[in-house]
């Protein structure tokens, strides 16, 4: 049993807690204002507890050559779950993490050490500001997992933001985003339409119950200029304890329908989740 003691403190954008998992030695849950944000197992960084994190991990696994080092830009830090995952599954990867909450970064860095040899640089700042100042063609992958409270900020949803992401990625690069929504999926459909203004290839990963409109949940969007290995991605997501579907091609175009591209002037945050929508999965 894990006998570590919880850590709690006010950070720049809320009240954060690091709580030990009683069942896994050196594993921790990060919450901010009571909402689960990240889960980290320091002894096994490949253990991804949250469903959406596993799906982002699967997408990272099929980028480029298996196990090859990547240059990854993470927008949103949390407890650095995915930077840890990349560090051990793709040794030698260079990673930058941009998190608006400096206090949260300091809390996580101070209590949850990164894997030995991890090449991860932490930066306190706004995700879009960082993206707009990043060099062109400097990243193989951008992982966008940014929440202000429980919602994706509006300024990270527009076509202008998407153009910056496409500029920062290399030709074969991949953009990954964790986005929440529920039927009729006005936000998710508009985000896919907006990504299509800069990327030729799109895929969506989500639990079937979410896609059928049964509940609010997370979807992982994959965007790039080159085809993603959808078959490999589908195999990985189907094998999870909570299987997901991968939508692409004509089915995804039908899902997008006549959704409008988001401009800066009419951008809105992702929808407010219902009480109890998010937890460990």
C-alpha atoms as a PDB file:
ATOM      1  CA  UNK A   1       0.000   0.000   0.000  1.00  0.00           C
ATOM      2  CA  UNK A   2       1.227   3.490  -0.842  1.00  0.00           C
ATOM      3  CA  UNK A   3       1.857   5.401   2.410  1.00  0.00           C
ATOM      4  CA  UNK A   4       2.935   8.670   0.760  1.00  0.00           C
ATOM      5  CA  UNK A   5       1.272  11.855   1.978  1.00  0.00           C
ATOM      6  CA  UNK A   6      -0.909  14.072  -0.204  1.00  0.00           C
ATOM      7  CA  UNK A   7       0.371  17.522  -1.167  1.00  0.00           C
ATOM      8  CA  UNK A   8      -2.036  20.448  -1.586  1.00  0.00           C
ATOM      9  CA  UNK A   9      -1.470  24.097  -2.353  1.00  0.00           C
ATOM     10  CA  UNK A  10      -2.871  27.091  -4.187  1.00  0.00           C
ATOM     11  CA  UNK A  11      -1.360  27.534  -7.630  1.00  0.00           C
ATOM     12  CA  UNK A  12      -1.816  30.379 -10.108  1.00  0.00           C
ATOM     13  CA  UNK A  13      -5.145  29.148 -11.479  1.00  0.00           C
ATOM     14  CA  UNK A  14      -6.783  27.156  -8.704  1.00  0.00           C
ATOM     15  CA  UNK A  15      -6.129  24.787  -5.836  1.00  0.00           C
ATOM     16  CA  UNK A  16      -4.014  21.757  -6.729  1.00  0.00           C
ATOM     17  CA  UNK A  17      -3.674  18.434  -4.935  1.00  0.00           C
ATOM     18  CA  UNK A  18      -1.260  15.570  -5.523  1.00  0.00           C
ATOM     19  CA  UNK A  19      -2.827  12.473  -4.010  1.00  0.00           C
ATOM     20  CA  UNK A  20      -1.059   9.095  -3.759  1.00  0.00           C
ATOM     21  CA  UNK A  21      -2.785   6.063  -5.265  1.00  0.00           C
ATOM     22  CA  UNK A  22      -3.290   3.582  -2.435  1.00  0.00           C
ATOM     23  CA  UNK A  23      -2.981   0.628  -4.838  1.00  0.00           C
ATOM     24  CA  UNK A  24       0.134   1.567  -6.825  1.00  0.00           C
ATOM     25  CA  UNK A  25       3.470   2.432  -5.228  1.00  0.00           C
ATOM     26  CA  UNK A  26       4.729   5.893  -6.312  1.00  0.00           C
ATOM     27  CA  UNK A  27       1.616   6.672  -8.351  1.00  0.00           C
ATOM     28  CA  UNK A  28      -0.149  10.025  -8.034  1.00  0.00           C
ATOM     29  CA  UNK A  29      -3.363  11.730  -9.080  1.00  0.00           C
ATOM     30  CA  UNK A  30      -3.316  15.469  -9.754  1.00  0.00           C
ATOM     31  CA  UNK A  31      -6.534  17.410  -9.256  1.00  0.00           C
ATOM     32  CA  UNK A  32      -7.140  21.132  -9.712  1.00  0.00           C
ATOM     33  CA  UNK A  33     -10.182  22.587  -7.961  1.00  0.00           C
ATOM     34  CA  UNK A  34     -11.345  19.024  -7.366  1.00  0.00           C
ATOM     35  CA  UNK A  35     -11.301  17.984 -11.023  1.00  0.00           C
ATOM     36  CA  UNK A  36      -8.935  15.133 -12.000  1.00  0.00           C
ATOM     37  CA  UNK A  37      -6.236  16.483 -14.326  1.00  0.00           C
ATOM     38  CA  UNK A  38      -3.457  13.909 -14.579  1.00  0.00           C
ATOM     39  CA  UNK A  39      -2.285  10.560 -13.281  1.00  0.00           C
ATOM     40  CA  UNK A  40       1.384   9.567 -13.048  1.00  0.00           C
ATOM     41  CA  UNK A  41       3.054   6.311 -12.079  1.00  0.00           C
ATOM     42  CA  UNK A  42       6.687   7.213 -11.392  1.00  0.00           C
ATOM     43  CA  UNK A  43       7.745   3.542 -11.529  1.00  0.00           C
ATOM     44  CA  UNK A  44       5.972   2.900 -14.838  1.00  0.00           C
ATOM     45  CA  UNK A  45       5.579   6.046 -16.980  1.00  0.00           C
ATOM     46  CA  UNK A  46       3.997   3.911 -19.726  1.00  0.00           C
ATOM     47  CA  UNK A  47       0.965   3.325 -17.485  1.00  0.00           C
ATOM     48  CA  UNK A  48      -1.671   5.759 -18.755  1.00  0.00           C
ATOM     49  CA  UNK A  49      -4.639   5.658 -16.395  1.00  0.00           C
ATOM     50  CA  UNK A  50      -7.011   8.091 -18.108  1.00  0.00           C
ATOM     51  CA  UNK A  51      -8.763   6.924 -21.269  1.00  0.00           C
ATOM     52  CA  UNK A  52      -7.914  10.053 -23.246  1.00  0.00           C
ATOM     53  CA  UNK A  53      -4.242   9.800 -22.223  1.00  0.00           C
ATOM     54  CA  UNK A  54      -4.081   6.214 -23.489  1.00  0.00           C
ATOM     55  CA  UNK A  55      -5.531   7.329 -26.819  1.00  0.00           C
ATOM     56  CA  UNK A  56      -3.012  10.152 -27.115  1.00  0.00           C
ATOM     57  CA  UNK A  57      -0.333   7.582 -26.260  1.00  0.00           C
ATOM     58  CA  UNK A  58      -1.560   5.280 -29.022  1.00  0.00           C
ATOM     59  CA  UNK A  59      -1.433   8.170 -31.499  1.00  0.00           C
ATOM     60  CA  UNK A  60       2.110   9.018 -30.407  1.00  0.00           C
ATOM     61  CA  UNK A  61       3.091   5.371 -30.877  1.00  0.00           C
ATOM     62  CA  UNK A  62       2.156   5.352 -34.577  1.00  0.00           C
ATOM     63  CA  UNK A  63       3.994   8.574 -35.508  1.00  0.00           C
ATOM     64  CA  UNK A  64       7.061   7.869 -37.617  1.00  0.00           C
ATOM     65  CA  UNK A  65       9.274   4.873 -36.911  1.00  0.00           C
ATOM     66  CA  UNK A  66       8.420   2.908 -33.738  1.00  0.00           C
ATOM     67  CA  UNK A  67      10.615   3.979 -30.855  1.00  0.00           C
ATOM     68  CA  UNK A  68      12.402   6.700 -32.836  1.00  0.00           C
ATOM     69  CA  UNK A  69      13.155   9.955 -31.041  1.00  0.00           C
ATOM     70  CA  UNK A  70      10.811  12.861 -31.756  1.00  0.00           C
ATOM     71  CA  UNK A  71      10.742  16.600 -31.164  1.00  0.00           C
ATOM     72  CA  UNK A  72       7.474  17.134 -29.283  1.00  0.00           C
ATOM     73  CA  UNK A  73       5.769  20.343 -28.196  1.00  0.00           C
ATOM     74  CA  UNK A  74       3.225  19.833 -25.420  1.00  0.00           C
ATOM     75  CA  UNK A  75       0.678  22.623 -24.993  1.00  0.00           C
ATOM     76  CA  UNK A  76      -0.617  22.088 -21.472  1.00  0.00           C
ATOM     77  CA  UNK A  77       1.448  20.440 -18.764  1.00  0.00           C
ATOM     78  CA  UNK A  78      -0.593  18.887 -15.977  1.00  0.00           C
ATOM     79  CA  UNK A  79       1.545  16.317 -14.189  1.00  0.00           C
ATOM     80  CA  UNK A  80       3.660  15.768 -17.338  1.00  0.00           C
ATOM     81  CA  UNK A  81       2.110  12.361 -18.001  1.00  0.00           C
ATOM     82  CA  UNK A  82       2.703  12.284 -21.762  1.00  0.00           C
ATOM     83  CA  UNK A  83       6.196  13.836 -21.674  1.00  0.00           C
ATOM     84  CA  UNK A  84       7.136  11.004 -19.301  1.00  0.00           C
ATOM     85  CA  UNK A  85       5.563   8.465 -21.665  1.00  0.00           C
ATOM     86  CA  UNK A  86       7.474   9.802 -24.682  1.00  0.00           C
ATOM     87  CA  UNK A  87      10.722   9.942 -22.705  1.00  0.00           C
ATOM     88  CA  UNK A  88      10.643   6.194 -22.012  1.00  0.00           C
ATOM     89  CA  UNK A  89       8.993   4.935 -25.215  1.00  0.00           C
ATOM     90  CA  UNK A  90      11.115   7.142 -27.488  1.00  0.00           C
ATOM     91  CA  UNK A  91      14.448   7.704 -25.728  1.00  0.00           C
ATOM     92  CA  UNK A  92      16.358  10.778 -26.832  1.00  0.00           C
ATOM     93  CA  UNK A  93      13.237  12.752 -27.726  1.00  0.00           C
ATOM     94  CA  UNK A  94      13.468  16.505 -27.171  1.00  0.00           C
ATOM     95  CA  UNK A  95      10.326  17.877 -25.560  1.00  0.00           C
ATOM     96  CA  UNK A  96       9.049  21.317 -24.638  1.00  0.00           C
ATOM     97  CA  UNK A  97       6.115  21.709 -22.275  1.00  0.00           C
ATOM     98  CA  UNK A  98       4.187  24.986 -22.154  1.00  0.00           C
ATOM     99  CA  UNK A  99       1.901  25.456 -19.144  1.00  0.00           C
ATOM    100  CA  UNK A 100       0.223  28.744 -18.252  1.00  0.00           C
ATOM    101  CA  UNK A 101       0.230  27.946 -14.519  1.00  0.00           C
ATOM    102  CA  UNK A 102       3.777  28.467 -13.241  1.00  0.00           C
ATOM    103  CA  UNK A 103       2.778  27.403  -9.726  1.00  0.00           C
ATOM    104  CA  UNK A 104       1.445  24.100 -11.037  1.00  0.00           C
ATOM    105  CA  UNK A 105       4.643  23.468 -12.989  1.00  0.00           C
ATOM    106  CA  UNK A 106       6.696  24.118  -9.866  1.00  0.00           C
ATOM    107  CA  UNK A 107       4.512  21.820  -7.760  1.00  0.00           C
ATOM    108  CA  UNK A 108       4.777  18.949 -10.239  1.00  0.00           C
ATOM    109  CA  UNK A 109       8.503  19.415 -10.908  1.00  0.00           C
ATOM    110  CA  UNK A 110       9.211  19.553  -7.196  1.00  0.00           C
ATOM    111  CA  UNK A 111       7.336  16.401  -6.201  1.00  0.00           C
ATOM    112  CA  UNK A 112       7.193  14.156  -9.284  1.00  0.00           C
ATOM    113  CA  UNK A 113      10.665  13.745 -10.812  1.00  0.00           C
ATOM    114  CA  UNK A 114      10.986  13.060 -14.532  1.00  0.00           C
ATOM    115  CA  UNK A 115      12.478   9.765 -15.793  1.00  0.00           C
ATOM    116  CA  UNK A 116      16.252   9.636 -15.773  1.00  0.00           C
ATOM    117  CA  UNK A 117      17.683  11.008 -19.005  1.00  0.00           C
ATOM    118  CA  UNK A 118      14.451  12.726 -20.059  1.00  0.00           C
ATOM    119  CA  UNK A 119      15.122  15.761 -22.254  1.00  0.00           C
ATOM    120  CA  UNK A 120      12.119  17.840 -21.193  1.00  0.00           C
ATOM    121  CA  UNK A 121      12.142  21.642 -20.929  1.00  0.00           C
ATOM    122  CA  UNK A 122       9.381  23.309 -18.908  1.00  0.00           C
ATOM    123  CA  UNK A 123       8.065  26.767 -19.815  1.00  0.00           C
ATOM    124  CA  UNK A 124       5.471  28.911 -18.044  1.00  0.00           C
ATOM    125  CA  UNK A 125       3.405  30.776 -20.623  1.00  0.00           C
ATOM    126  CA  UNK A 126       0.327  30.944 -22.806  1.00  0.00           C
ATOM    127  CA  UNK A 127       0.111  28.123 -25.336  1.00  0.00           C
ATOM    128  CA  UNK A 128      -0.832  30.304 -28.297  1.00  0.00           C
ATOM    129  CA  UNK A 129       1.759  32.965 -27.506  1.00  0.00           C
ATOM    130  CA  UNK A 130       4.418  30.262 -27.392  1.00  0.00           C
ATOM    131  CA  UNK A 131       3.202  28.700 -30.632  1.00  0.00           C
ATOM    132  CA  UNK A 132       3.218  32.036 -32.462  1.00  0.00           C
ATOM    133  CA  UNK A 133       6.850  32.587 -31.455  1.00  0.00           C
ATOM    134  CA  UNK A 134       8.076  29.040 -32.113  1.00  0.00           C
ATOM    135  CA  UNK A 135      10.318  28.419 -35.144  1.00  0.00           C
ATOM    136  CA  UNK A 136       8.689  27.069 -38.299  1.00  0.00           C
ATOM    137  CA  UNK A 137       9.210  23.360 -38.905  1.00  0.00           C
ATOM    138  CA  UNK A 138      10.564  22.762 -35.405  1.00  0.00           C
ATOM    139  CA  UNK A 139       8.303  19.965 -34.116  1.00  0.00           C
ATOM    140  CA  UNK A 140       7.412  16.427 -35.171  1.00  0.00           C
ATOM    141  CA  UNK A 141       4.357  16.387 -32.898  1.00  0.00           C
ATOM    142  CA  UNK A 142       2.237  18.981 -31.122  1.00  0.00           C
ATOM    143  CA  UNK A 143       0.079  17.663 -28.284  1.00  0.00           C
ATOM    144  CA  UNK A 144      -2.650  20.118 -27.294  1.00  0.00           C
ATOM    145  CA  UNK A 145      -4.207  19.277 -23.931  1.00  0.00           C
ATOM    146  CA  UNK A 146      -5.021  22.723 -22.579  1.00  0.00           C
ATOM    147  CA  UNK A 147      -7.853  23.453 -20.196  1.00  0.00           C
ATOM    148  CA  UNK A 148      -8.807  26.608 -18.379  1.00  0.00           C
ATOM    149  CA  UNK A 149     -10.671  24.967 -15.534  1.00  0.00           C
ATOM    150  CA  UNK A 150     -12.654  22.263 -17.330  1.00  0.00           C
ATOM    151  CA  UNK A 151     -12.888  24.003 -20.729  1.00  0.00           C
ATOM    152  CA  UNK A 152     -10.566  24.447 -23.694  1.00  0.00           C
ATOM    153  CA  UNK A 153      -9.833  28.191 -23.990  1.00  0.00           C
ATOM    154  CA  UNK A 154     -11.449  29.946 -26.941  1.00  0.00           C
ATOM    155  CA  UNK A 155      -8.208  31.368 -28.354  1.00  0.00           C
ATOM    156  CA  UNK A 156      -6.951  27.806 -28.940  1.00  0.00           C
ATOM    157  CA  UNK A 157      -9.835  26.870 -31.228  1.00  0.00           C
ATOM    158  CA  UNK A 158      -9.582  29.208 -34.233  1.00  0.00           C
ATOM    159  CA  UNK A 159      -8.252  28.891 -37.777  1.00  0.00           C
ATOM    160  CA  UNK A 160      -5.484  31.379 -36.964  1.00  0.00           C
ATOM    161  CA  UNK A 161      -4.325  29.129 -34.114  1.00  0.00           C
ATOM    162  CA  UNK A 162      -4.485  26.055 -36.372  1.00  0.00           C
ATOM    163  CA  UNK A 163      -2.371  27.817 -39.021  1.00  0.00           C
ATOM    164  CA  UNK A 164       0.309  28.462 -36.404  1.00  0.00           C
ATOM    165  CA  UNK A 165       0.284  24.805 -35.373  1.00  0.00           C
ATOM    166  CA  UNK A 166       0.659  23.726 -39.012  1.00  0.00           C
ATOM    167  CA  UNK A 167       3.542  26.173 -39.468  1.00  0.00           C
ATOM    168  CA  UNK A 168       5.460  24.877 -36.443  1.00  0.00           C
ATOM    169  CA  UNK A 169       5.118  21.238 -37.514  1.00  0.00           C
ATOM    170  CA  UNK A 170       7.503  19.613 -39.980  1.00  0.00           C
ATOM    171  CA  UNK A 171       6.130  18.226 -43.253  1.00  0.00           C
ATOM    172  CA  UNK A 172       5.422  14.811 -41.768  1.00  0.00           C
ATOM    173  CA  UNK A 173       4.348  16.209 -38.404  1.00  0.00           C
ATOM    174  CA  UNK A 174       1.192  15.377 -36.492  1.00  0.00           C
ATOM    175  CA  UNK A 175      -1.094  17.568 -34.392  1.00  0.00           C
ATOM    176  CA  UNK A 176      -2.948  15.835 -31.536  1.00  0.00           C
ATOM    177  CA  UNK A 177      -5.673  17.427 -29.437  1.00  0.00           C
ATOM    178  CA  UNK A 178      -7.795  16.316 -26.502  1.00  0.00           C
ATOM    179  CA  UNK A 179     -11.230  17.933 -26.779  1.00  0.00           C
ATOM    180  CA  UNK A 180     -14.426  17.399 -24.757  1.00  0.00           C
ATOM    181  CA  UNK A 181     -17.959  17.504 -26.153  1.00  0.00           C
ATOM    182  CA  UNK A 182     -21.348  15.778 -26.295  1.00  0.00           C
ATOM    183  CA  UNK A 183     -24.080  15.343 -28.898  1.00  0.00           C
ATOM    184  CA  UNK A 184     -24.894  17.140 -31.159  1.00  0.00           C
ATOM    185  CA  UNK A 185     -21.115  17.861 -31.200  1.00  0.00           C
ATOM    186  CA  UNK A 186     -21.241  21.471 -32.360  1.00  0.00           C
ATOM    187  CA  UNK A 187     -17.842  22.186 -30.796  1.00  0.00           C
ATOM    188  CA  UNK A 188     -16.131  18.999 -31.988  1.00  0.00           C
ATOM    189  CA  UNK A 189     -17.471  19.299 -35.530  1.00  0.00           C
ATOM    190  CA  UNK A 190     -16.375  22.936 -35.765  1.00  0.00           C
ATOM    191  CA  UNK A 191     -12.903  21.990 -34.523  1.00  0.00           C
ATOM    192  CA  UNK A 192     -12.573  19.324 -37.192  1.00  0.00           C
ATOM    193  CA  UNK A 193     -13.734  21.780 -39.854  1.00  0.00           C
ATOM    194  CA  UNK A 194     -11.189  24.293 -38.587  1.00  0.00           C
ATOM    195  CA  UNK A 195      -8.345  21.759 -38.589  1.00  0.00           C
ATOM    196  CA  UNK A 196      -9.265  20.866 -42.179  1.00  0.00           C
ATOM    197  CA  UNK A 197      -8.305  24.407 -43.247  1.00  0.00           C
ATOM    198  CA  UNK A 198      -4.634  23.578 -42.585  1.00  0.00           C
ATOM    199  CA  UNK A 199      -4.358  19.763 -42.592  1.00  0.00           C
ATOM    200  CA  UNK A 200      -5.274  17.284 -45.320  1.00  0.00           C
ATOM    201  CA  UNK A 201      -5.519  14.205 -43.102  1.00  0.00           C
ATOM    202  CA  UNK A 202      -7.844  13.945 -40.098  1.00  0.00           C
ATOM    203  CA  UNK A 203      -8.881  11.210 -37.703  1.00  0.00           C
ATOM    204  CA  UNK A 204     -11.009  11.149 -34.559  1.00  0.00           C
ATOM    205  CA  UNK A 205     -10.705   8.700 -31.657  1.00  0.00           C
ATOM    206  CA  UNK A 206     -13.608   8.392 -29.230  1.00  0.00           C
ATOM    207  CA  UNK A 207     -15.513   5.896 -27.137  1.00  0.00           C
ATOM    208  CA  UNK A 208     -18.583   4.573 -29.024  1.00  0.00           C
ATOM    209  CA  UNK A 209     -20.972   5.699 -26.284  1.00  0.00           C
ATOM    210  CA  UNK A 210     -19.769   9.275 -26.701  1.00  0.00           C
ATOM    211  CA  UNK A 211     -20.126   9.122 -30.484  1.00  0.00           C
ATOM    212  CA  UNK A 212     -23.649   7.739 -30.112  1.00  0.00           C
ATOM    213  CA  UNK A 213     -24.573  10.703 -27.931  1.00  0.00           C
ATOM    214  CA  UNK A 214     -24.999   8.730 -24.722  1.00  0.00           C
ATOM    215  CA  UNK A 215     -22.619  10.791 -22.619  1.00  0.00           C
ATOM    216  CA  UNK A 216     -20.245  13.728 -22.470  1.00  0.00           C
ATOM    217  CA  UNK A 217     -16.639  12.718 -23.035  1.00  0.00           C
ATOM    218  CA  UNK A 218     -13.234  13.314 -24.548  1.00  0.00           C
ATOM    219  CA  UNK A 219     -12.291  12.869 -28.181  1.00  0.00           C
ATOM    220  CA  UNK A 220      -8.740  12.808 -29.478  1.00  0.00           C
ATOM    221  CA  UNK A 221      -8.227  14.520 -32.831  1.00  0.00           C
ATOM    222  CA  UNK A 222      -5.312  13.610 -35.097  1.00  0.00           C
ATOM    223  CA  UNK A 223      -4.313  15.940 -37.937  1.00  0.00           C
ATOM    224  CA  UNK A 224      -1.449  15.943 -40.419  1.00  0.00           C
ATOM    225  CA  UNK A 225      -0.437  16.442 -44.021  1.00  0.00           C
ATOM    226  CA  UNK A 226       0.227  12.746 -44.558  1.00  0.00           C
ATOM    227  CA  UNK A 227      -2.012   9.738 -43.877  1.00  0.00           C
ATOM    228  CA  UNK A 228      -1.914   8.383 -40.337  1.00  0.00           C
ATOM    229  CA  UNK A 229      -1.638   4.612 -39.866  1.00  0.00           C
ATOM    230  CA  UNK A 230      -5.332   4.319 -39.081  1.00  0.00           C
ATOM    231  CA  UNK A 231      -5.281   0.509 -39.036  1.00  0.00           C
ATOM    232  CA  UNK A 232      -2.571   0.406 -36.362  1.00  0.00           C
ATOM    233  CA  UNK A 233      -4.320   3.124 -34.389  1.00  0.00           C
ATOM    234  CA  UNK A 234      -7.634   1.261 -34.558  1.00  0.00           C
ATOM    235  CA  UNK A 235      -6.029  -1.974 -33.348  1.00  0.00           C
ATOM    236  CA  UNK A 236      -4.468  -0.251 -30.364  1.00  0.00           C
ATOM    237  CA  UNK A 237      -7.591   1.645 -29.321  1.00  0.00           C
ATOM    238  CA  UNK A 238      -9.835  -1.399 -29.782  1.00  0.00           C
ATOM    239  CA  UNK A 239      -7.646  -3.409 -27.390  1.00  0.00           C
ATOM    240  CA  UNK A 240      -8.097  -0.992 -24.483  1.00  0.00           C
ATOM    241  CA  UNK A 241     -10.183  -1.877 -21.443  1.00  0.00           C
ATOM    242  CA  UNK A 242     -12.598   0.810 -22.670  1.00  0.00           C
ATOM    243  CA  UNK A 243     -12.362   0.388 -26.456  1.00  0.00           C
ATOM    244  CA  UNK A 244     -12.582   3.372 -28.763  1.00  0.00           C
ATOM    245  CA  UNK A 245     -13.410   3.825 -32.429  1.00  0.00           C
ATOM    246  CA  UNK A 246     -11.257   5.596 -34.987  1.00  0.00           C
ATOM    247  CA  UNK A 247     -13.230   7.622 -37.531  1.00  0.00           C
ATOM    248  CA  UNK A 248     -11.618   8.950 -40.718  1.00  0.00           C
ATOM    249  CA  UNK A 249     -12.240   9.475 -44.416  1.00  0.00           C
ATOM    250  CA  UNK A 250     -15.802   9.688 -45.664  1.00  0.00           C
ATOM    251  CA  UNK A 251     -17.334   8.811 -42.278  1.00  0.00           C
ATOM    252  CA  UNK A 252     -15.508  11.704 -40.678  1.00  0.00           C
ATOM    253  CA  UNK A 253     -16.446  14.098 -43.482  1.00  0.00           C
ATOM    254  CA  UNK A 254     -20.076  13.108 -42.950  1.00  0.00           C
ATOM    255  CA  UNK A 255     -19.680  13.735 -39.207  1.00  0.00           C
ATOM    256  CA  UNK A 256     -18.274  17.227 -39.880  1.00  0.00           C
ATOM    257  CA  UNK A 257     -21.129  18.029 -42.273  1.00  0.00           C
ATOM    258  CA  UNK A 258     -21.694  21.761 -42.699  1.00  0.00           C
ATOM    259  CA  UNK A 259     -19.867  22.799 -39.515  1.00  0.00           C
ATOM    260  CA  UNK A 260     -18.392  26.285 -39.742  1.00  0.00           C
ATOM    261  CA  UNK A 261     -14.733  27.163 -39.470  1.00  0.00           C
ATOM    262  CA  UNK A 262     -13.957  29.057 -36.249  1.00  0.00           C
ATOM    263  CA  UNK A 263     -12.518  32.567 -36.533  1.00  0.00           C
ATOM    264  CA  UNK A 264     -10.831  34.437 -33.692  1.00  0.00           C
ATOM    265  CA  UNK A 265     -13.722  36.876 -33.472  1.00  0.00           C
ATOM    266  CA  UNK A 266     -16.362  34.189 -32.937  1.00  0.00           C
ATOM    267  CA  UNK A 267     -14.322  31.588 -31.028  1.00  0.00           C
ATOM    268  CA  UNK A 268     -15.839  30.133 -27.853  1.00  0.00           C
ATOM    269  CA  UNK A 269     -14.488  27.742 -25.192  1.00  0.00           C
ATOM    270  CA  UNK A 270     -15.432  24.076 -25.245  1.00  0.00           C
ATOM    271  CA  UNK A 271     -18.761  23.320 -23.550  1.00  0.00           C
ATOM    272  CA  UNK A 272     -19.030  23.172 -19.783  1.00  0.00           C
ATOM    273  CA  UNK A 273     -19.017  19.500 -18.724  1.00  0.00           C
ATOM    274  CA  UNK A 274     -21.884  18.205 -16.597  1.00  0.00           C
ATOM    275  CA  UNK A 275     -21.137  17.407 -12.961  1.00  0.00           C
ATOM    276  CA  UNK A 276     -19.198  14.182 -12.612  1.00  0.00           C
ATOM    277  CA  UNK A 277     -18.351  13.992 -16.305  1.00  0.00           C
ATOM    278  CA  UNK A 278     -14.631  13.474 -15.787  1.00  0.00           C
ATOM    279  CA  UNK A 279     -12.906  10.888 -13.680  1.00  0.00           C
ATOM    280  CA  UNK A 280     -10.310   8.187 -13.916  1.00  0.00           C
ATOM    281  CA  UNK A 281     -10.866   5.796 -16.782  1.00  0.00           C
END
